[in-house]
Amino acid sequence: MALIIDKVKKIYKQGEIEVKAVNDVSFTVKEGEFLSIIGDSGSGDSDIMMTDTINPLKSKFKGFHKTFKQDDLGLSLSSFLLN
């Protein structure tokens, strides 16, 4: 089974300014493939990893639906690494 990310968007509002953290991102990860999502601080990489919580009505998150174990996922936040 594959993991499919389709047309994911995340926009933050800072007053009247809209910041597009993620803009229309789509990709597929096939079973057995390994994927790393990296980017500069504020580039939207963490937003992509939280895809299913961004906006389920406007974006699509398909694939394996299960409870993940700690060994299944890795997350490294830039603010943690900078401290």
PDB file of N, CA and C in Angstrom:
ATOM      1  N   MET A   1       0.843  -1.181   0.000  1.00  0.00           N
ATOM      2  CA  MET A   1       0.000   0.000   0.000  1.00  0.00           C
ATOM      3  C   MET A   1       0.886   1.241   0.000  1.00  0.00           C
ATOM      4  N   ALA A   2       0.452   2.275  -0.632  1.00  0.00           N
ATOM      5  CA  ALA A   2       1.216   3.521  -0.747  1.00  0.00           C
ATOM      6  C   ALA A   2       0.647   4.590   0.183  1.00  0.00           C
ATOM      7  N   LEU A   3       1.453   5.576   0.460  1.00  0.00           N
ATOM      8  CA  LEU A   3       1.018   6.782   1.158  1.00  0.00           C
ATOM      9  C   LEU A   3       0.932   7.872   0.104  1.00  0.00           C
ATOM     10  N   ILE A   4      -0.243   8.477  -0.043  1.00  0.00           N
ATOM     11  CA  ILE A   4      -0.456   9.490  -1.077  1.00  0.00           C
ATOM     12  C   ILE A   4      -0.788  10.822  -0.413  1.00  0.00           C
ATOM     13  N   ILE A   5      -0.003  11.827  -0.713  1.00  0.00           N
ATOM     14  CA  ILE A   5      -0.254  13.196  -0.261  1.00  0.00           C
ATOM     15  C   ILE A   5      -0.665  13.972  -1.506  1.00  0.00           C
ATOM     16  N   ASP A   6      -1.849  14.580  -1.485  1.00  0.00           N
ATOM     17  CA  ASP A   6      -2.391  15.195  -2.694  1.00  0.00           C
ATOM     18  C   ASP A   6      -2.891  16.609  -2.428  1.00  0.00           C
ATOM     19  N   LYS A   7      -2.247  17.581  -3.038  1.00  0.00           N
ATOM     20  CA  LYS A   7      -2.673  18.984  -3.032  1.00  0.00           C
ATOM     21  C   LYS A   7      -2.803  19.565  -1.620  1.00  0.00           C
ATOM     22  N   VAL A   8      -1.797  19.341  -0.800  1.00  0.00           N
ATOM     23  CA  VAL A   8      -1.813  19.835   0.574  1.00  0.00           C
ATOM     24  C   VAL A   8      -1.415  21.305   0.593  1.00  0.00           C
ATOM     25  N   LYS A   9      -2.179  22.092   1.326  1.00  0.00           N
ATOM     26  CA  LYS A   9      -1.896  23.520   1.498  1.00  0.00           C
ATOM     27  C   LYS A   9      -2.008  23.870   2.974  1.00  0.00           C
ATOM     28  N   LYS A  10      -1.177  24.794   3.427  1.00  0.00           N
ATOM     29  CA  LYS A  10      -1.289  25.333   4.777  1.00  0.00           C
ATOM     30  C   LYS A  10      -0.923  26.799   4.718  1.00  0.00           C
ATOM     31  N   ILE A  11      -1.859  27.648   5.109  1.00  0.00           N
ATOM     32  CA  ILE A  11      -1.656  29.096   5.091  1.00  0.00           C
ATOM     33  C   ILE A  11      -1.825  29.622   6.511  1.00  0.00           C
ATOM     34  N   TYR A  12      -0.830  30.349   6.976  1.00  0.00           N
ATOM     35  CA  TYR A  12      -0.906  31.019   8.268  1.00  0.00           C
ATOM     36  C   TYR A  12      -1.210  32.488   8.015  1.00  0.00           C
ATOM     37  N   LYS A  13      -2.010  33.075   8.880  1.00  0.00           N
ATOM     38  CA  LYS A  13      -2.291  34.508   8.762  1.00  0.00           C
ATOM     39  C   LYS A  13      -1.575  35.247   9.882  1.00  0.00           C
ATOM     40  N   GLN A  14      -0.831  36.277   9.489  1.00  0.00           N
ATOM     41  CA  GLN A  14      -0.166  37.168  10.425  1.00  0.00           C
ATOM     42  C   GLN A  14      -0.745  38.551  10.193  1.00  0.00           C
ATOM     43  N   GLY A  15      -1.800  38.865  10.936  1.00  0.00           N
ATOM     44  CA  GLY A  15      -2.528  40.097  10.670  1.00  0.00           C
ATOM     45  C   GLY A  15      -3.235  39.975   9.341  1.00  0.00           C
ATOM     46  N   GLU A  16      -2.935  40.878   8.422  1.00  0.00           N
ATOM     47  CA  GLU A  16      -3.539  40.817   7.092  1.00  0.00           C
ATOM     48  C   GLU A  16      -2.649  40.108   6.072  1.00  0.00           C
ATOM     49  N   ILE A  17      -1.496  39.650   6.518  1.00  0.00           N
ATOM     50  CA  ILE A  17      -0.561  38.961   5.624  1.00  0.00           C
ATOM     51  C   ILE A  17      -0.796  37.458   5.691  1.00  0.00           C
ATOM     52  N   GLU A  18      -0.865  36.806   4.517  1.00  0.00           N
ATOM     53  CA  GLU A  18      -0.981  35.355   4.448  1.00  0.00           C
ATOM     54  C   GLU A  18       0.380  34.762   4.101  1.00  0.00           C
ATOM     55  N   VAL A  19       0.811  33.800   4.901  1.00  0.00           N
ATOM     56  CA  VAL A  19       2.076  33.108   4.668  1.00  0.00           C
ATOM     57  C   VAL A  19       1.757  31.686   4.230  1.00  0.00           C
ATOM     58  N   LYS A  20       2.168  31.332   3.019  1.00  0.00           N
ATOM     59  CA  LYS A  20       1.932  29.980   2.501  1.00  0.00           C
ATOM     60  C   LYS A  20       3.078  29.080   2.953  1.00  0.00           C
ATOM     61  N   ALA A  21       2.847  28.324   4.022  1.00  0.00           N
ATOM     62  CA  ALA A  21       3.871  27.406   4.522  1.00  0.00           C
ATOM     63  C   ALA A  21       3.994  26.197   3.614  1.00  0.00           C
ATOM     64  N   VAL A  22       2.869  25.716   3.116  1.00  0.00           N
ATOM     65  CA  VAL A  22       2.826  24.589   2.182  1.00  0.00           C
ATOM     66  C   VAL A  22       1.849  24.980   1.093  1.00  0.00           C
ATOM     67  N   ASN A  23       2.269  24.877  -0.176  1.00  0.00           N
ATOM     68  CA  ASN A  23       1.418  25.332  -1.266  1.00  0.00           C
ATOM     69  C   ASN A  23       1.277  24.251  -2.331  1.00  0.00           C
ATOM     70  N   ASP A  24       0.179  23.523  -2.281  1.00  0.00           N
ATOM     71  CA  ASP A  24      -0.182  22.547  -3.312  1.00  0.00           C
ATOM     72  C   ASP A  24       0.869  21.446  -3.476  1.00  0.00           C
ATOM     73  N   VAL A  25       1.237  20.816  -2.368  1.00  0.00           N
ATOM     74  CA  VAL A  25       2.241  19.749  -2.381  1.00  0.00           C
ATOM     75  C   VAL A  25       1.568  18.402  -2.611  1.00  0.00           C
ATOM     76  N   SER A  26       2.123  17.624  -3.534  1.00  0.00           N
ATOM     77  CA  SER A  26       1.621  16.279  -3.823  1.00  0.00           C
ATOM     78  C   SER A  26       2.801  15.335  -4.008  1.00  0.00           C
ATOM     79  N   PHE A  27       2.699  14.138  -3.429  1.00  0.00           N
ATOM     80  CA  PHE A  27       3.694  13.093  -3.671  1.00  0.00           C
ATOM     81  C   PHE A  27       3.146  11.753  -3.201  1.00  0.00           C
ATOM     82  N   THR A  28       3.810  10.683  -3.642  1.00  0.00           N
ATOM     83  CA  THR A  28       3.428   9.324  -3.275  1.00  0.00           C
ATOM     84  C   THR A  28       4.658   8.601  -2.741  1.00  0.00           C
ATOM     85  N   VAL A  29       4.467   7.856  -1.662  1.00  0.00           N
ATOM     86  CA  VAL A  29       5.526   7.016  -1.113  1.00  0.00           C
ATOM     87  C   VAL A  29       5.046   5.578  -1.225  1.00  0.00           C
ATOM     88  N   LYS A  30       5.767   4.785  -1.997  1.00  0.00           N
ATOM     89  CA  LYS A  30       5.384   3.390  -2.199  1.00  0.00           C
ATOM     90  C   LYS A  30       5.787   2.546  -0.994  1.00  0.00           C
ATOM     91  N   GLU A  31       5.095   1.427  -0.817  1.00  0.00           N
ATOM     92  CA  GLU A  31       5.406   0.524   0.284  1.00  0.00           C
ATOM     93  C   GLU A  31       6.874   0.109   0.204  1.00  0.00           C
ATOM     94  N   GLY A  32       7.552   0.189   1.342  1.00  0.00           N
ATOM     95  CA  GLY A  32       8.962  -0.178   1.401  1.00  0.00           C
ATOM     96  C   GLY A  32       9.913   0.973   1.140  1.00  0.00           C
ATOM     97  N   GLU A  33       9.416   2.098   0.635  1.00  0.00           N
ATOM     98  CA  GLU A  33      10.267   3.267   0.402  1.00  0.00           C
ATOM     99  C   GLU A  33      10.464   4.037   1.702  1.00  0.00           C
ATOM    100  N   PHE A  34      11.539   4.777   1.765  1.00  0.00           N
ATOM    101  CA  PHE A  34      11.881   5.609   2.906  1.00  0.00           C
ATOM    102  C   PHE A  34      11.855   7.058   2.444  1.00  0.00           C
ATOM    103  N   LEU A  35      11.252   7.933   3.236  1.00  0.00           N
ATOM    104  CA  LEU A  35      11.136   9.334   2.848  1.00  0.00           C
ATOM    105  C   LEU A  35      11.607  10.232   3.980  1.00  0.00           C
ATOM    106  N   SER A  36      12.414  11.209   3.647  1.00  0.00           N
ATOM    107  CA  SER A  36      12.808  12.253   4.590  1.00  0.00           C
ATOM    108  C   SER A  36      12.307  13.574   4.049  1.00  0.00           C
ATOM    109  N   ILE A  37      11.706  14.353   4.915  1.00  0.00           N
ATOM    110  CA  ILE A  37      11.251  15.692   4.538  1.00  0.00           C
ATOM    111  C   ILE A  37      12.071  16.671   5.362  1.00  0.00           C
ATOM    112  N   ILE A  38      12.892  17.467   4.678  1.00  0.00           N
ATOM    113  CA  ILE A  38      13.754  18.410   5.375  1.00  0.00           C
ATOM    114  C   ILE A  38      13.590  19.798   4.768  1.00  0.00           C
ATOM    115  N   GLY A  39      13.884  20.790   5.556  1.00  0.00           N
ATOM    116  CA  GLY A  39      13.801  22.148   5.049  1.00  0.00           C
ATOM    117  C   GLY A  39      14.274  23.140   6.091  1.00  0.00           C
ATOM    118  N   ASP A  40      14.522  24.341   5.648  1.00  0.00           N
ATOM    119  CA  ASP A  40      14.905  25.404   6.564  1.00  0.00           C
ATOM    120  C   ASP A  40      13.768  25.681   7.533  1.00  0.00           C
ATOM    121  N   SER A  41      14.093  26.302   8.642  1.00  0.00           N
ATOM    122  CA  SER A  41      13.082  26.683   9.612  1.00  0.00           C
ATOM    123  C   SER A  41      12.024  27.554   8.941  1.00  0.00           C
ATOM    124  N   GLY A  42      10.763  27.171   9.092  1.00  0.00           N
ATOM    125  CA  GLY A  42       9.668  27.927   8.495  1.00  0.00           C
ATOM    126  C   GLY A  42       9.332  27.544   7.072  1.00  0.00           C
ATOM    127  N   SER A  43       9.975  26.496   6.543  1.00  0.00           N
ATOM    128  CA  SER A  43       9.740  26.122   5.142  1.00  0.00           C
ATOM    129  C   SER A  43       8.504  25.251   4.942  1.00  0.00           C
ATOM    130  N   GLY A  44       7.900  24.771   6.021  1.00  0.00           N
ATOM    131  CA  GLY A  44       6.689  23.959   5.893  1.00  0.00           C
ATOM    132  C   GLY A  44       6.916  22.470   6.015  1.00  0.00           C
ATOM    133  N   ASP A  45       8.152  22.044   6.282  1.00  0.00           N
ATOM    134  CA  ASP A  45       8.429  20.615   6.361  1.00  0.00           C
ATOM    135  C   ASP A  45       7.665  19.946   7.504  1.00  0.00           C
ATOM    136  N   SER A  46       7.590  20.563   8.655  1.00  0.00           N
ATOM    137  CA  SER A  46       6.818  19.988   9.762  1.00  0.00           C
ATOM    138  C   SER A  46       5.327  19.984   9.451  1.00  0.00           C
ATOM    139  N   ASP A  47       4.852  20.988   8.735  1.00  0.00           N
ATOM    140  CA  ASP A  47       3.437  21.035   8.352  1.00  0.00           C
ATOM    141  C   ASP A  47       3.072  19.853   7.467  1.00  0.00           C
ATOM    142  N   ILE A  48       3.964  19.479   6.555  1.00  0.00           N
ATOM    143  CA  ILE A  48       3.691  18.333   5.686  1.00  0.00           C
ATOM    144  C   ILE A  48       3.598  17.060   6.513  1.00  0.00           C
ATOM    145  N   MET A  49       4.460  16.924   7.530  1.00  0.00           N
ATOM    146  CA  MET A  49       4.445  15.720   8.352  1.00  0.00           C
ATOM    147  C   MET A  49       3.178  15.630   9.192  1.00  0.00           C
ATOM    148  N   MET A  50       2.482  16.735   9.393  1.00  0.00           N
ATOM    149  CA  MET A  50       1.223  16.742  10.140  1.00  0.00           C
ATOM    150  C   MET A  50       0.037  16.871   9.191  1.00  0.00           C
ATOM    151  N   THR A  51       0.163  16.342   8.008  1.00  0.00           N
ATOM    152  CA  THR A  51      -0.814  16.532   6.941  1.00  0.00           C
ATOM    153  C   THR A  51      -2.237  16.211   7.341  1.00  0.00           C
ATOM    154  N   ASP A  52      -2.446  15.116   8.038  1.00  0.00           N
ATOM    155  CA  ASP A  52      -3.818  14.714   8.339  1.00  0.00           C
ATOM    156  C   ASP A  52      -4.508  15.658   9.305  1.00  0.00           C
ATOM    157  N   THR A  53      -3.773  16.577   9.928  1.00  0.00           N
ATOM    158  CA  THR A  53      -4.394  17.545  10.827  1.00  0.00           C
ATOM    159  C   THR A  53      -4.513  18.928  10.202  1.00  0.00           C
ATOM    160  N   ILE A  54      -3.961  19.128   8.995  1.00  0.00           N
ATOM    161  CA  ILE A  54      -3.952  20.466   8.392  1.00  0.00           C
ATOM    162  C   ILE A  54      -5.353  20.902   7.987  1.00  0.00           C
ATOM    163  N   ASN A  55      -5.923  20.274   7.017  1.00  0.00           N
ATOM    164  CA  ASN A  55      -7.278  20.596   6.582  1.00  0.00           C
ATOM    165  C   ASN A  55      -7.821  19.404   5.807  1.00  0.00           C
ATOM    166  N   PRO A  56      -8.425  18.450   6.511  1.00  0.00           N
ATOM    167  CA  PRO A  56      -8.882  17.233   5.838  1.00  0.00           C
ATOM    168  C   PRO A  56      -9.959  17.472   4.792  1.00  0.00           C
ATOM    169  N   LEU A  57     -10.594  18.631   4.786  1.00  0.00           N
ATOM    170  CA  LEU A  57     -11.633  18.893   3.791  1.00  0.00           C
ATOM    171  C   LEU A  57     -11.054  19.372   2.469  1.00  0.00           C
ATOM    172  N   LYS A  58      -9.854  19.970   2.478  1.00  0.00           N
ATOM    173  CA  LYS A  58      -9.273  20.520   1.259  1.00  0.00           C
ATOM    174  C   LYS A  58      -8.078  19.728   0.745  1.00  0.00           C
ATOM    175  N   SER A  59      -7.497  18.886   1.577  1.00  0.00           N
ATOM    176  CA  SER A  59      -6.352  18.087   1.146  1.00  0.00           C
ATOM    177  C   SER A  59      -6.688  16.611   1.311  1.00  0.00           C
ATOM    178  N   LYS A  60      -5.886  15.761   0.680  1.00  0.00           N
ATOM    179  CA  LYS A  60      -6.139  14.329   0.747  1.00  0.00           C
ATOM    180  C   LYS A  60      -4.932  13.628   1.348  1.00  0.00           C
ATOM    181  N   PHE A  61      -5.203  12.738   2.260  1.00  0.00           N
ATOM    182  CA  PHE A  61      -4.179  11.938   2.917  1.00  0.00           C
ATOM    183  C   PHE A  61      -4.655  10.503   2.833  1.00  0.00           C
ATOM    184  N   LYS A  62      -4.025   9.712   1.963  1.00  0.00           N
ATOM    185  CA  LYS A  62      -4.462   8.340   1.753  1.00  0.00           C
ATOM    186  C   LYS A  62      -3.310   7.397   2.038  1.00  0.00           C
ATOM    187  N   GLY A  63      -3.651   6.208   2.456  1.00  0.00           N
ATOM    188  CA  GLY A  63      -2.630   5.195   2.650  1.00  0.00           C
ATOM    189  C   GLY A  63      -2.918   4.394   3.884  1.00  0.00           C
ATOM    190  N   PHE A  64      -1.861   3.991   4.536  1.00  0.00           N
ATOM    191  CA  PHE A  64      -2.033   3.164   5.717  1.00  0.00           C
ATOM    192  C   PHE A  64      -2.607   4.009   6.844  1.00  0.00           C
ATOM    193  N   HIS A  65      -3.624   3.490   7.483  1.00  0.00           N
ATOM    194  CA  HIS A  65      -4.219   4.156   8.646  1.00  0.00           C
ATOM    195  C   HIS A  65      -4.005   3.229   9.829  1.00  0.00           C
ATOM    196  N   LYS A  66      -3.136   3.605  10.711  1.00  0.00           N
ATOM    197  CA  LYS A  66      -2.834   2.779  11.863  1.00  0.00           C
ATOM    198  C   LYS A  66      -2.313   3.669  12.968  1.00  0.00           C
ATOM    199  N   THR A  67      -2.221   3.098  14.154  1.00  0.00           N
ATOM    200  CA  THR A  67      -1.575   3.788  15.251  1.00  0.00           C
ATOM    201  C   THR A  67      -0.081   3.540  15.126  1.00  0.00           C
ATOM    202  N   PHE A  68       0.690   4.603  15.069  1.00  0.00           N
ATOM    203  CA  PHE A  68       2.121   4.464  14.868  1.00  0.00           C
ATOM    204  C   PHE A  68       2.831   4.194  16.182  1.00  0.00           C
ATOM    205  N   LYS A  69       3.846   3.371  16.100  1.00  0.00           N
ATOM    206  CA  LYS A  69       4.743   3.151  17.225  1.00  0.00           C
ATOM    207  C   LYS A  69       5.878   4.160  17.114  1.00  0.00           C
ATOM    208  N   GLN A  70       6.555   4.390  18.204  1.00  0.00           N
ATOM    209  CA  GLN A  70       7.656   5.356  18.205  1.00  0.00           C
ATOM    210  C   GLN A  70       8.714   4.990  17.167  1.00  0.00           C
ATOM    211  N   ASP A  71       8.927   3.701  16.939  1.00  0.00           N
ATOM    212  CA  ASP A  71       9.942   3.275  15.974  1.00  0.00           C
ATOM    213  C   ASP A  71       9.551   3.579  14.531  1.00  0.00           C
ATOM    214  N   ASP A  72       8.265   3.846  14.263  1.00  0.00           N
ATOM    215  CA  ASP A  72       7.791   4.079  12.900  1.00  0.00           C
ATOM    216  C   ASP A  72       8.081   5.485  12.391  1.00  0.00           C
ATOM    217  N   LEU A  73       8.136   6.459  13.286  1.00  0.00           N
ATOM    218  CA  LEU A  73       8.249   7.860  12.876  1.00  0.00           C
ATOM    219  C   LEU A  73       9.408   8.542  13.577  1.00  0.00           C
ATOM    220  N   GLY A  74       9.963   9.532  12.901  1.00  0.00           N
ATOM    221  CA  GLY A  74      10.979  10.367  13.513  1.00  0.00           C
ATOM    222  C   GLY A  74      10.660  11.823  13.247  1.00  0.00           C
ATOM    223  N   LEU A  75      10.856  12.667  14.247  1.00  0.00           N
ATOM    224  CA  LEU A  75      10.562  14.086  14.099  1.00  0.00           C
ATOM    225  C   LEU A  75      11.663  14.874  14.784  1.00  0.00           C
ATOM    226  N   SER A  76      12.225  15.801  14.077  1.00  0.00           N
ATOM    227  CA  SER A  76      13.267  16.650  14.621  1.00  0.00           C
ATOM    228  C   SER A  76      12.869  18.093  14.382  1.00  0.00           C
ATOM    229  N   LEU A  77      12.581  18.812  15.444  1.00  0.00           N
ATOM    230  CA  LEU A  77      12.139  20.201  15.317  1.00  0.00           C
ATOM    231  C   LEU A  77      13.322  21.149  15.403  1.00  0.00           C
ATOM    232  N   SER A  78      13.343  22.150  14.546  1.00  0.00           N
ATOM    233  CA  SER A  78      14.478  23.066  14.491  1.00  0.00           C
ATOM    234  C   SER A  78      14.647  23.838  15.790  1.00  0.00           C
ATOM    235  N   SER A  79      13.562  24.209  16.453  1.00  0.00           N
ATOM    236  CA  SER A  79      13.708  24.980  17.688  1.00  0.00           C
ATOM    237  C   SER A  79      14.396  24.148  18.761  1.00  0.00           C
ATOM    238  N   PHE A  80      14.131  22.836  18.784  1.00  0.00           N
ATOM    239  CA  PHE A  80      14.803  21.954  19.733  1.00  0.00           C
ATOM    240  C   PHE A  80      16.298  21.887  19.425  1.00  0.00           C
ATOM    241  N   LEU A  81      16.640  21.770  18.157  1.00  0.00           N
ATOM    242  CA  LEU A  81      18.041  21.642  17.769  1.00  0.00           C
ATOM    243  C   LEU A  81      18.820  22.934  17.963  1.00  0.00           C
ATOM    244  N   LEU A  82      18.145  24.063  17.937  1.00  0.00           N
ATOM    245  CA  LEU A  82      18.829  25.348  18.071  1.00  0.00           C
ATOM    246  C   LEU A  82      19.065  25.741  19.520  1.00  0.00           C
ATOM    247  N   ASN A  83      18.403  25.070  20.464  1.00  0.00           N
ATOM    248  CA  ASN A  83      18.556  25.407  21.893  1.00  0.00           C
ATOM    249  C   ASN A  83      19.789  24.781  22.493  1.00  0.00           C
TER     250      ASN A  83
END
